[in-house]
Structures are given as C-alpha cells and as structure tokens.
Amino acid sequence: MKWLKKIFSKEKGGEEDPGVEAPLTLALSHVKDWLEDRSHEPEFEERVRSLYDAIERVAKNLEGDLLALERAEPKEDVPPRLLKAGSAAREKVTRQMAVLSDRLTPPLRADTRSAEEYHSVMLKHLQNTVQKFGRAQRYTAALFPREVEMINSDLGAISRHLSDLGDEVRERKERLEKFLEAADLASQVCERRDQIEALKDEISGDEDLLATLRDRERGHQKEIESWTRSDEGKRNLDERKAQEKKLRERDQIEMSMADLVSPLTKAISRIVKQDDSDRIVLQHRGIFEQLSSSPAKALEGDVSGALLELKSKVDLLGLRDKKRARIIEQIDHLLEDRPLEVLKARHLRLQDEIEELERNLSKSSRETARLKEKRDQVRQRIQAQEAAIEERKRSLAALEERLSGDLADLKITLEDISEGPVEIDVRK
C-alpha cells in the first residue's frame, strides 16, 4: 500500500548490524491508519458472514415452519375448550414469530461494530419473543406438537448462532483492545503535541511583546536622563539640593530652640500641674504647653508674657535654690538677649524659602513625574509579562513531560503490535 511506504522508513546512517532488526519509523499522523490496517482481520468477517448466512437460512426455515403451523389441522378428538384456546394461542405465536423473522435480516457490513450491534439487538428480540411465547406455546403445542417442535428447533438454532456471533465479537474486541489502546494513546499524543506547539507560539509572542516593552522602557529612561541633563533638569536638581540643605538648617534651628527651652522644662511642667490642681491660675497655659512640646510652634506668637509669668511664679514651684537660680538666669537670658526671637526670624525666613522652592519644584517636577509614570507603567507591564511567560514555561515543561510519558507508552504498545522495534516521528 502506498501510504505504508510513506509512513515507514528504515533508519539511515552508519552500517547496520545484520543481527539486529532495524526499527521502523512511523509518522504520528498515520498511526491510526497503520493500526486500522494491522487490525484488519478478513477471517473474522468471513466467520461473521458465515453466521449471517446461517441465521438467514434459519429465518427461511422459520418462515416455512410458521406457514406450516398456520395450515396445520388439529386432531378430531380435541376437546372444544382446548381447541379454542389452542387456536387463539396459534395466532398469537404466529404473529410473534413473524415479527422476529422479519428482524432477523443481518446487516450488510460484517465489521466488529455492525456485528456487535446486530447481536445485541437480536438477542433482546429473541429473549422478548421467548418470554411472550411461554404460555401460548404450551397451548399451541398441545394441538400442533410437530409444528411447534420445528419452531422451537428454529429458535434454538437462532440462539446458538447468536451465541457464536457474540463469542466472535467478544474475542475480536479482546484482540482489538491493544489497537484501541494504541489509537487512544496516539490521539492523546497528537493533542499534547498540538498543545505544546500552541503554547510555544504563545510564549514566542509573549517574548516578542516583552522585548518591545523593554525597548519602550529604555526609551522612557533615556527621556528621563535627557530631561535631567537639560537646563530645566539641572535647575530642578539644584533647587532640590538647596531645599534639602535648607530643611537641614531648619531642623537645626528647631533643635537650638528646644535646647534654649530645655532648662525650663521642669519648671514649666510643675507650673502646669499646679494650674491643673487650681493652686495657681495661668494666663499663658497654652504657650507653656507648646514650649514643652514644640518650641517652634510656640514662637509663632509672643512668648515674653509667658516667660514673665513663669518668672513671677517660680518661687511657688518648690524648686531647689540652685535649680531656681538657673531657671531665672535662663528666663532673663531669653527676655534680655532674645535668642529665641533671633532663631524665630531665621526660622521664618527659611520656611519662606523652603516653601518657595517647593512651589518651584512642584512645577518643574511635573515633567519628571510624567516621564517616570510612563516608565513605571511599562515596568509594571514588564513584570506581569515576565510572570506570565514563566507560568507558561512551567506549563510547557509539564506538558512535555506528559508527552514523553505518553510517547513511551505508545512506543511500547506499537512494538507489541508490530512485534518489532518502532520509532515515532512526532513532527509528522
């Protein structure tokens, strides 16, 4: 056969060992054709057709025996009641047998499937007919024993032929099991191969898209670097550095303010507690609390009144003399030398400069933010794409592993059928 020449080829290359049978290479796409050809069994069809012929001969005999039953005459001495019952039973038996006879015609095909379907259908019809035949057969046999005996003989022959047909089909299916197993494996291998090819195409497309995204990311990064090197970008960088410097200077001023207020912390704490207990009434309680927590905020207003109030009530705080003297000395220093006000002025000036820089940076940073946002969006897509590719590659590895196992099983099954070594070309 021509297709056999196409799907089989000897292994080439190198000298062959004359004692070793060269494996046959079988294209995956033609495995089912090869299996169908190898599984073909003309002897089976011949035996099935022989049984079909035998059933048809019995069917013709049954028609003749039914005709004989219809024409048969009962004996003259039959009791009237038996005659009536037997005659009615004969009509019923004749109708039932006629239906069975009409259905006995075998199919045109003698393959396994057709034979199996015919056997299954006819076996059910025969069983139903025999069950219905039961009582009517006994009455009919009482009047026409010879004719009923011939019909029973026909039914017995049909049953034997159907039994033989069933045995043939069952044995044939047993012989076909490994062919069916191989065909299923071949289908599974084809499906896995197609899945692998489709997944490889998807991965290739994903990798192309990933390369495009990476090119796009590099383009955005170049835009950012180009903008950074521009006059506006340099100015933005200088302003940012200036802002950081001024922020550090502002922090240092606030630390200096805290250092100036620190010697008064204990006195402020006690005077607030005495106000809480109603021993004294403070006019500047809010300023005292701010001086304890955030001197910079307290300096937004005038603290001289609060310092004078603290000095006037320091004797009520129960402080030791040395501590009291240091506190008064620090209050006088703050009131006379006014270091807090000096720091406050520098703090306000720095704050104005910082806010001005923030406004400038806010305007100039919009372009940087826009470019970085575009780049970051692409980076997110790159990460998602890389994750998707890795997931597909894991799926591909799993599919390839399953394909390898299926191919090994298929190879073993085909070698069992061919009784020799077989190689499978998955690409074809």
Protein backbone atom coordinates (compact mmCIF):
# COMPACT_ATOMS: atom_id res chain seq x y z
CA MET A 1 0.00 0.00 0.00
CA LYS A 2 1.30 3.46 -0.92
CA TRP A 3 0.63 5.05 2.42
CA LEU A 4 2.67 2.34 4.11
CA LYS A 5 5.67 3.34 2.04
CA LYS A 6 5.22 6.95 3.17
CA ILE A 7 4.95 6.29 6.89
CA PHE A 8 7.63 3.64 7.21
CA SER A 9 11.29 4.16 6.51
CA LYS A 10 14.45 2.37 7.59
CA GLU A 11 16.81 4.15 9.95
CA LYS A 12 19.67 5.56 7.87
CA GLY A 13 23.26 6.40 8.69
CA GLY A 14 26.04 4.02 9.56
CA GLU A 15 26.30 0.34 8.85
CA GLU A 16 23.52 -1.80 10.23
CA ASP A 17 24.15 -4.84 12.35
CA PRO A 18 22.74 -7.74 10.30
CA GLY A 19 21.70 -9.45 13.53
CA VAL A 20 19.65 -6.51 14.78
CA GLU A 21 16.29 -5.64 13.28
CA ALA A 22 16.23 -2.02 12.15
CA PRO A 23 13.38 -0.05 13.76
CA LEU A 24 10.51 1.20 11.64
CA THR A 25 9.81 4.93 11.74
CA LEU A 26 6.11 5.64 11.96
CA ALA A 27 4.71 9.14 11.44
CA LEU A 28 2.42 10.11 14.29
CA SER A 29 -0.24 11.45 11.90
CA HIS A 30 -0.51 7.99 10.26
CA VAL A 31 -0.53 5.82 13.38
CA LYS A 32 -4.31 5.33 13.24
CA ASP A 33 -4.19 4.34 9.56
CA TRP A 34 -1.43 1.87 10.36
CA LEU A 35 -3.39 0.46 13.30
CA GLU A 36 -6.50 0.12 11.21
CA ASP A 37 -4.56 -1.75 8.53
CA ARG A 38 -2.83 -4.01 11.06
CA SER A 39 -6.05 -4.68 12.92
CA HIS A 40 -7.89 -5.70 9.77
CA GLU A 41 -8.87 -9.38 10.07
CA PRO A 42 -10.53 -10.82 6.96
CA GLU A 43 -11.03 -14.17 8.72
CA PHE A 44 -13.27 -12.50 11.28
CA GLU A 45 -15.51 -11.02 8.58
CA GLU A 46 -15.64 -14.39 6.86
CA ARG A 47 -16.78 -16.10 10.06
CA VAL A 48 -19.33 -13.37 10.73
CA ARG A 49 -20.76 -13.61 7.21
CA SER A 50 -20.93 -17.37 7.62
CA LEU A 51 -23.00 -16.89 10.78
CA TYR A 52 -25.14 -14.29 8.97
CA ASP A 53 -25.82 -16.85 6.23
CA ALA A 54 -26.70 -19.49 8.81
CA ILE A 55 -29.13 -17.11 10.54
CA GLU A 56 -30.74 -16.25 7.20
CA ARG A 57 -31.19 -19.95 6.43
CA VAL A 58 -32.82 -20.48 9.81
CA ALA A 59 -35.00 -17.43 9.17
CA LYS A 60 -36.25 -19.03 5.92
CA ASN A 61 -36.90 -22.30 7.77
CA LEU A 62 -38.79 -20.36 10.42
CA GLU A 63 -40.97 -18.76 7.74
CA GLY A 64 -41.78 -22.22 6.34
CA ASP A 65 -42.48 -23.67 9.76
CA LEU A 66 -44.75 -20.72 10.63
CA LEU A 67 -46.64 -21.32 7.37
CA ALA A 68 -46.95 -24.98 8.29
CA LEU A 69 -48.29 -24.02 11.71
CA GLU A 70 -50.89 -21.74 10.14
CA ARG A 71 -52.08 -24.54 7.79
CA ALA A 72 -51.96 -27.36 10.35
CA GLU A 73 -55.25 -29.04 11.33
CA PRO A 74 -55.87 -30.26 14.89
CA LYS A 75 -56.94 -33.82 15.63
CA GLU A 76 -60.66 -34.52 15.54
CA ASP A 77 -60.91 -35.68 19.15
CA VAL A 78 -59.55 -32.48 20.70
CA PRO A 79 -61.81 -31.12 23.46
CA PRO A 80 -63.66 -27.94 22.41
CA ARG A 81 -62.12 -25.74 25.13
CA LEU A 82 -58.59 -26.84 24.28
CA LEU A 83 -59.35 -26.35 20.61
CA LYS A 84 -60.49 -22.81 21.23
CA ALA A 85 -57.54 -21.90 23.49
CA GLY A 86 -55.01 -23.60 21.22
CA SER A 87 -56.31 -21.89 18.09
CA ALA A 88 -56.11 -18.48 19.73
CA ALA A 89 -52.61 -19.26 21.00
CA ARG A 90 -51.53 -20.34 17.49
CA GLU A 91 -52.48 -16.91 16.10
CA LYS A 92 -50.53 -15.15 18.85
CA VAL A 93 -47.48 -17.37 18.36
CA THR A 94 -47.58 -16.88 14.60
CA ARG A 95 -47.68 -13.08 14.93
CA GLN A 96 -44.81 -13.02 17.43
CA MET A 97 -42.66 -15.35 15.36
CA ALA A 98 -43.37 -13.37 12.19
CA VAL A 99 -42.08 -10.16 13.84
CA LEU A 100 -38.91 -11.95 14.91
CA SER A 101 -38.44 -13.46 11.45
CA ASP A 102 -38.69 -10.05 9.79
CA ARG A 103 -35.95 -8.66 12.04
CA LEU A 104 -33.51 -11.49 11.52
CA THR A 105 -32.08 -9.97 8.34
CA PRO A 106 -28.34 -9.35 9.03
CA PRO A 107 -26.65 -6.01 8.23
CA LEU A 108 -24.68 -5.52 5.01
CA ARG A 109 -21.40 -4.89 6.86
CA ALA A 110 -19.57 -7.62 8.74
CA ASP A 111 -17.25 -5.39 10.77
CA THR A 112 -16.99 -5.57 14.55
CA ARG A 113 -19.30 -2.66 15.31
CA SER A 114 -22.08 -3.79 12.95
CA ALA A 115 -21.87 -7.38 14.20
CA GLU A 116 -21.93 -6.24 17.83
CA GLU A 117 -24.98 -4.01 17.29
CA TYR A 118 -26.83 -6.74 15.37
CA HIS A 119 -26.04 -9.33 18.05
CA SER A 120 -27.22 -7.05 20.86
CA VAL A 121 -30.49 -6.09 19.13
CA MET A 122 -31.36 -9.62 18.00
CA LEU A 123 -30.55 -11.13 21.38
CA LYS A 124 -33.04 -8.77 23.03
CA HIS A 125 -35.69 -9.54 20.41
CA LEU A 126 -35.19 -13.26 20.84
CA GLN A 127 -35.41 -13.04 24.63
CA ASN A 128 -38.57 -10.92 24.45
CA THR A 129 -40.12 -13.28 21.94
CA VAL A 130 -39.40 -16.40 24.02
CA GLN A 131 -40.83 -14.74 27.13
CA LYS A 132 -44.02 -13.79 25.30
CA PHE A 133 -44.11 -17.21 23.62
CA GLY A 134 -44.32 -19.03 27.02
CA ARG A 135 -47.94 -19.90 27.84
CA ALA A 136 -49.22 -19.54 24.28
CA GLN A 137 -46.58 -22.03 23.16
CA ARG A 138 -47.89 -24.68 25.59
CA TYR A 139 -51.46 -24.41 24.29
CA THR A 140 -50.25 -24.37 20.69
CA ALA A 141 -48.04 -27.41 21.28
CA ALA A 142 -50.97 -29.33 22.71
CA LEU A 143 -52.76 -29.01 19.34
CA PHE A 144 -49.82 -28.88 16.94
CA PRO A 145 -46.88 -30.64 18.62
CA ARG A 146 -44.85 -31.34 15.48
CA GLU A 147 -45.08 -27.77 14.11
CA VAL A 148 -44.23 -26.21 17.48
CA GLU A 149 -41.29 -28.56 17.84
CA MET A 150 -39.95 -27.35 14.46
CA ILE A 151 -40.35 -23.70 15.52
CA ASN A 152 -38.55 -24.42 18.83
CA SER A 153 -35.80 -26.05 16.84
CA ASP A 154 -35.53 -22.89 14.73
CA LEU A 155 -35.38 -20.71 17.85
CA GLY A 156 -32.70 -22.94 19.31
CA ALA A 157 -30.64 -22.66 16.13
CA ILE A 158 -31.01 -18.89 16.11
CA SER A 159 -29.93 -18.76 19.75
CA ARG A 160 -26.86 -20.90 19.02
CA HIS A 161 -25.87 -18.78 16.03
CA LEU A 162 -26.30 -15.57 18.04
CA SER A 163 -24.21 -17.10 20.84
CA ASP A 164 -21.48 -17.96 18.34
CA LEU A 165 -21.70 -14.45 16.91
CA GLY A 166 -21.38 -12.99 20.40
CA ASP A 167 -18.31 -15.14 21.06
CA GLU A 168 -16.75 -13.99 17.79
CA VAL A 169 -17.39 -10.32 18.63
CA ARG A 170 -16.09 -10.67 22.18
CA GLU A 171 -12.91 -12.44 21.06
CA ARG A 172 -12.43 -9.91 18.28
CA LYS A 173 -12.77 -6.99 20.75
CA GLU A 174 -10.25 -8.64 23.06
CA ARG A 175 -7.82 -8.83 20.17
CA LEU A 176 -8.59 -5.18 19.32
CA GLU A 177 -8.02 -3.88 22.86
CA LYS A 178 -4.35 -3.10 22.34
CA PHE A 179 -5.17 -1.50 18.97
CA LEU A 180 -7.79 0.70 20.64
CA GLU A 181 -5.36 1.50 23.46
CA ALA A 182 -2.72 2.49 20.90
CA ALA A 183 -5.23 4.62 18.97
CA ASP A 184 -6.26 6.42 22.18
CA LEU A 185 -2.61 6.98 23.07
CA ALA A 186 -1.90 8.30 19.57
CA SER A 187 -4.82 10.73 19.87
CA GLN A 188 -3.53 11.85 23.27
CA VAL A 189 -0.01 12.32 21.94
CA CYS A 190 -1.36 14.37 18.99
CA GLU A 191 -3.38 16.52 21.37
CA ARG A 192 -0.41 17.10 23.68
CA ARG A 193 1.85 17.86 20.71
CA ASP A 194 -0.65 20.42 19.39
CA GLN A 195 -0.98 21.95 22.88
CA ILE A 196 2.80 22.20 23.13
CA GLU A 197 3.10 23.84 19.71
CA ALA A 198 0.31 26.30 20.55
CA LEU A 199 1.95 27.09 23.91
CA LYS A 200 5.33 27.60 22.23
CA ASP A 201 3.68 30.05 19.81
CA GLU A 202 2.12 31.90 22.75
CA ILE A 203 5.47 32.05 24.56
CA SER A 204 7.17 33.31 21.40
CA GLY A 205 4.53 36.04 21.04
CA ASP A 206 4.86 36.93 24.71
CA GLU A 207 8.64 37.17 24.42
CA ASP A 208 8.30 39.44 21.38
CA LEU A 209 5.96 41.67 23.35
CA LEU A 210 8.36 41.60 26.32
CA ALA A 211 11.22 42.71 24.05
CA THR A 212 9.05 45.55 22.76
CA LEU A 213 8.18 46.62 26.32
CA ARG A 214 11.84 46.57 27.34
CA ASP A 215 12.72 48.74 24.35
CA ARG A 216 9.96 51.10 25.38
CA GLU A 217 11.25 51.18 28.98
CA ARG A 218 14.75 52.03 27.74
CA GLY A 219 13.26 54.81 25.61
CA HIS A 220 11.45 56.30 28.61
CA GLN A 221 14.60 56.02 30.71
CA LYS A 222 16.56 57.89 28.05
CA GLU A 223 13.88 60.59 28.05
CA ILE A 224 14.28 60.95 31.83
CA GLU A 225 18.06 61.11 31.57
CA SER A 226 17.84 63.61 28.72
CA TRP A 227 15.49 65.81 30.72
CA THR A 228 17.79 65.52 33.77
CA ARG A 229 20.72 66.79 31.67
CA SER A 230 18.68 69.72 30.28
CA ASP A 231 18.85 73.23 31.78
CA GLU A 232 15.48 72.76 33.41
CA GLY A 233 16.52 69.41 34.81
CA LYS A 234 19.77 70.80 36.20
CA ARG A 235 17.89 73.69 37.74
CA ASN A 236 15.45 71.24 39.26
CA LEU A 237 18.34 69.26 40.74
CA ASP A 238 19.98 72.41 42.15
CA GLU A 239 16.72 73.55 43.71
CA ARG A 240 16.18 70.11 45.23
CA LYS A 241 19.66 70.18 46.76
CA ALA A 242 19.04 73.70 48.05
CA GLN A 243 15.75 72.59 49.53
CA GLU A 244 17.40 69.65 51.32
CA LYS A 245 20.08 71.97 52.70
CA LYS A 246 17.51 74.45 53.99
CA LEU A 247 15.44 71.68 55.53
CA ARG A 248 18.51 70.51 57.44
CA GLU A 249 19.18 74.09 58.55
CA ARG A 250 15.59 74.48 59.69
CA ASP A 251 15.82 71.27 61.69
CA GLN A 252 18.99 72.54 63.30
CA ILE A 253 17.27 75.83 64.29
CA GLU A 254 14.37 73.91 65.82
CA MET A 255 16.85 71.81 67.80
CA SER A 256 18.53 75.03 69.02
CA MET A 257 15.13 76.38 70.10
CA ALA A 258 14.49 73.18 72.02
CA ASP A 259 17.90 73.49 73.67
CA LEU A 260 17.08 77.04 74.84
CA VAL A 261 13.77 75.97 76.33
CA SER A 262 15.11 72.70 77.78
CA PRO A 263 16.40 74.26 81.10
CA LEU A 264 12.85 75.48 81.77
CA THR A 265 11.16 72.14 81.14
CA LYS A 266 10.91 71.09 84.78
CA ALA A 267 9.56 74.47 85.90
CA ILE A 268 7.02 74.55 83.05
CA SER A 269 5.85 71.04 83.92
CA ARG A 270 5.34 71.98 87.60
CA ILE A 271 3.54 75.22 86.86
CA VAL A 272 1.13 73.44 84.52
CA LYS A 273 0.43 70.78 87.18
CA GLN A 274 -0.29 73.47 89.78
CA ASP A 275 -2.69 75.08 87.33
CA ASP A 276 -4.37 71.68 86.98
CA SER A 277 -4.76 71.46 90.77
CA ASP A 278 -6.09 75.03 90.96
CA ARG A 279 -3.25 76.16 93.18
CA ILE A 280 -2.50 78.87 90.68
CA VAL A 281 -4.23 80.27 87.63
CA LEU A 282 -2.13 80.60 84.46
CA GLN A 283 -2.74 83.25 81.83
CA HIS A 284 -0.43 81.62 79.26
CA ARG A 285 -1.08 77.92 79.74
CA GLY A 286 -1.35 77.23 76.02
CA ILE A 287 2.08 78.78 75.36
CA PHE A 288 3.61 76.75 78.20
CA GLU A 289 2.29 73.54 76.68
CA GLN A 290 3.66 74.47 73.25
CA LEU A 291 7.05 75.37 74.72
CA SER A 292 7.19 71.85 76.21
CA SER A 293 6.18 70.02 73.05
CA SER A 294 7.19 72.25 70.12
CA PRO A 295 9.09 75.49 70.81
CA ALA A 296 8.97 76.38 67.10
CA LYS A 297 5.16 76.48 67.16
CA ALA A 298 5.16 78.43 70.43
CA LEU A 299 7.35 81.06 68.80
CA GLU A 300 4.70 81.76 66.20
CA GLY A 301 3.34 84.09 68.87
CA ASP A 302 4.96 86.20 71.59
CA VAL A 303 6.40 84.14 74.44
CA SER A 304 7.69 87.03 76.56
CA GLY A 305 4.45 87.24 78.57
CA ALA A 306 4.63 83.55 79.38
CA LEU A 307 8.28 83.84 80.42
CA LEU A 308 7.47 86.78 82.73
CA GLU A 309 4.59 84.79 84.24
CA LEU A 310 6.89 81.83 84.86
CA LYS A 311 9.49 84.10 86.50
CA SER A 312 6.86 85.66 88.77
CA LYS A 313 5.65 82.26 89.99
CA VAL A 314 8.95 80.39 90.16
CA ASP A 315 9.03 80.70 93.94
CA LEU A 316 5.78 78.75 94.12
CA LEU A 317 7.20 75.71 92.36
CA GLY A 318 9.20 74.25 95.27
CA LEU A 319 12.47 74.17 93.39
CA ARG A 320 15.88 73.94 94.97
CA ASP A 321 17.81 77.15 95.13
CA LYS A 322 20.38 76.21 92.51
CA LYS A 323 17.68 74.98 90.15
CA ARG A 324 15.59 78.10 90.82
CA ALA A 325 18.61 80.34 90.15
CA ARG A 326 19.42 78.59 86.83
CA ILE A 327 15.82 78.90 85.70
CA ILE A 328 15.66 82.60 86.50
CA GLU A 329 19.00 83.11 84.81
CA GLN A 330 17.73 81.30 81.66
CA ILE A 331 14.48 83.32 81.67
CA ASP A 332 16.44 86.57 81.92
CA HIS A 333 18.69 85.43 79.08
CA LEU A 334 15.68 84.68 76.91
CA LEU A 335 14.00 88.00 77.76
CA GLU A 336 17.04 90.25 77.55
CA ASP A 337 19.18 88.67 74.82
CA ARG A 338 16.12 87.42 72.92
CA PRO A 339 17.88 84.41 71.29
CA LEU A 340 14.51 82.73 70.59
CA GLU A 341 13.39 85.73 68.56
CA VAL A 342 16.62 85.62 66.55
CA LEU A 343 16.09 81.93 65.85
CA LYS A 344 12.44 82.60 65.11
CA ALA A 345 13.35 85.18 62.46
CA ARG A 346 15.81 82.79 60.83
CA HIS A 347 13.21 80.00 61.03
CA LEU A 348 10.55 82.13 59.34
CA ARG A 349 12.93 83.19 56.61
CA LEU A 350 13.99 79.61 55.96
CA GLN A 351 10.39 78.45 55.95
CA ASP A 352 9.50 81.04 53.31
CA GLU A 353 12.48 80.00 51.21
CA ILE A 354 11.60 76.32 51.56
CA GLU A 355 8.00 76.96 50.52
CA GLU A 356 9.17 78.97 47.53
CA LEU A 357 11.48 76.13 46.50
CA GLU A 358 8.63 73.65 46.96
CA ARG A 359 6.44 75.69 44.61
CA ASN A 360 9.20 75.84 42.02
CA LEU A 361 9.95 72.15 42.37
CA SER A 362 6.27 71.31 42.12
CA LYS A 363 6.11 72.99 38.72
CA SER A 364 9.39 71.68 37.37
CA SER A 365 8.88 68.18 38.75
CA ARG A 366 5.67 67.58 36.80
CA GLU A 367 7.63 66.67 33.68
CA THR A 368 9.85 64.30 35.66
CA ALA A 369 6.80 62.75 37.29
CA ARG A 370 5.09 62.35 33.91
CA LEU A 371 8.13 60.66 32.37
CA LYS A 372 8.66 58.42 35.40
CA GLU A 373 5.00 57.45 35.48
CA LYS A 374 5.18 56.35 31.84
CA ARG A 375 8.34 54.36 32.57
CA ASP A 376 6.89 52.81 35.75
CA GLN A 377 3.71 51.76 33.94
CA VAL A 378 5.82 49.95 31.34
CA ARG A 379 7.88 48.34 34.13
CA GLN A 380 4.69 47.00 35.71
CA ARG A 381 3.66 45.53 32.37
CA ILE A 382 7.13 44.01 32.01
CA GLN A 383 6.86 42.35 35.41
CA ALA A 384 3.41 40.98 34.58
CA GLN A 385 4.63 39.77 31.20
CA GLU A 386 7.66 38.06 32.72
CA ALA A 387 5.44 36.32 35.27
CA ALA A 388 3.06 35.17 32.51
CA ILE A 389 5.96 33.80 30.45
CA GLU A 390 7.36 31.91 33.43
CA GLU A 391 3.93 30.41 34.14
CA ARG A 392 3.56 29.32 30.51
CA LYS A 393 7.06 27.84 30.55
CA ARG A 394 6.16 25.82 33.63
CA SER A 395 3.02 24.60 31.85
CA LEU A 396 5.12 23.77 28.78
CA ALA A 397 7.58 21.74 30.85
CA ALA A 398 4.71 19.80 32.43
CA LEU A 399 3.14 19.12 29.02
CA GLU A 400 6.46 18.00 27.57
CA GLU A 401 6.95 15.63 30.48
CA ARG A 402 3.50 14.13 29.97
CA LEU A 403 4.13 13.89 26.22
CA SER A 404 7.35 12.00 26.89
CA GLY A 405 5.47 9.51 29.07
CA ASP A 406 2.66 9.09 26.54
CA LEU A 407 5.17 8.57 23.72
CA ALA A 408 6.96 5.88 25.74
CA ASP A 409 3.63 4.09 26.37
CA LEU A 410 2.64 4.39 22.70
CA LYS A 411 6.02 3.06 21.55
CA ILE A 412 5.72 0.01 23.82
CA THR A 413 2.18 -0.71 22.58
CA LEU A 414 3.10 -0.31 18.89
CA GLU A 415 6.14 -2.54 19.31
CA ASP A 416 3.92 -5.17 20.90
CA ILE A 417 1.55 -4.97 17.93
CA SER A 418 4.30 -4.92 15.28
CA GLU A 419 6.41 -7.48 17.14
CA GLY A 420 9.48 -5.39 16.40
CA PRO A 421 11.14 -2.04 17.21
CA VAL A 422 9.21 1.11 16.24
CA GLU A 423 10.25 4.75 16.22
CA ILE A 424 7.63 7.53 16.20
CA ASP A 425 8.16 10.75 14.28
CA VAL A 426 6.15 13.29 16.29
CA ARG A 427 6.83 16.08 13.77
CA LYS A 428 4.77 14.40 11.07
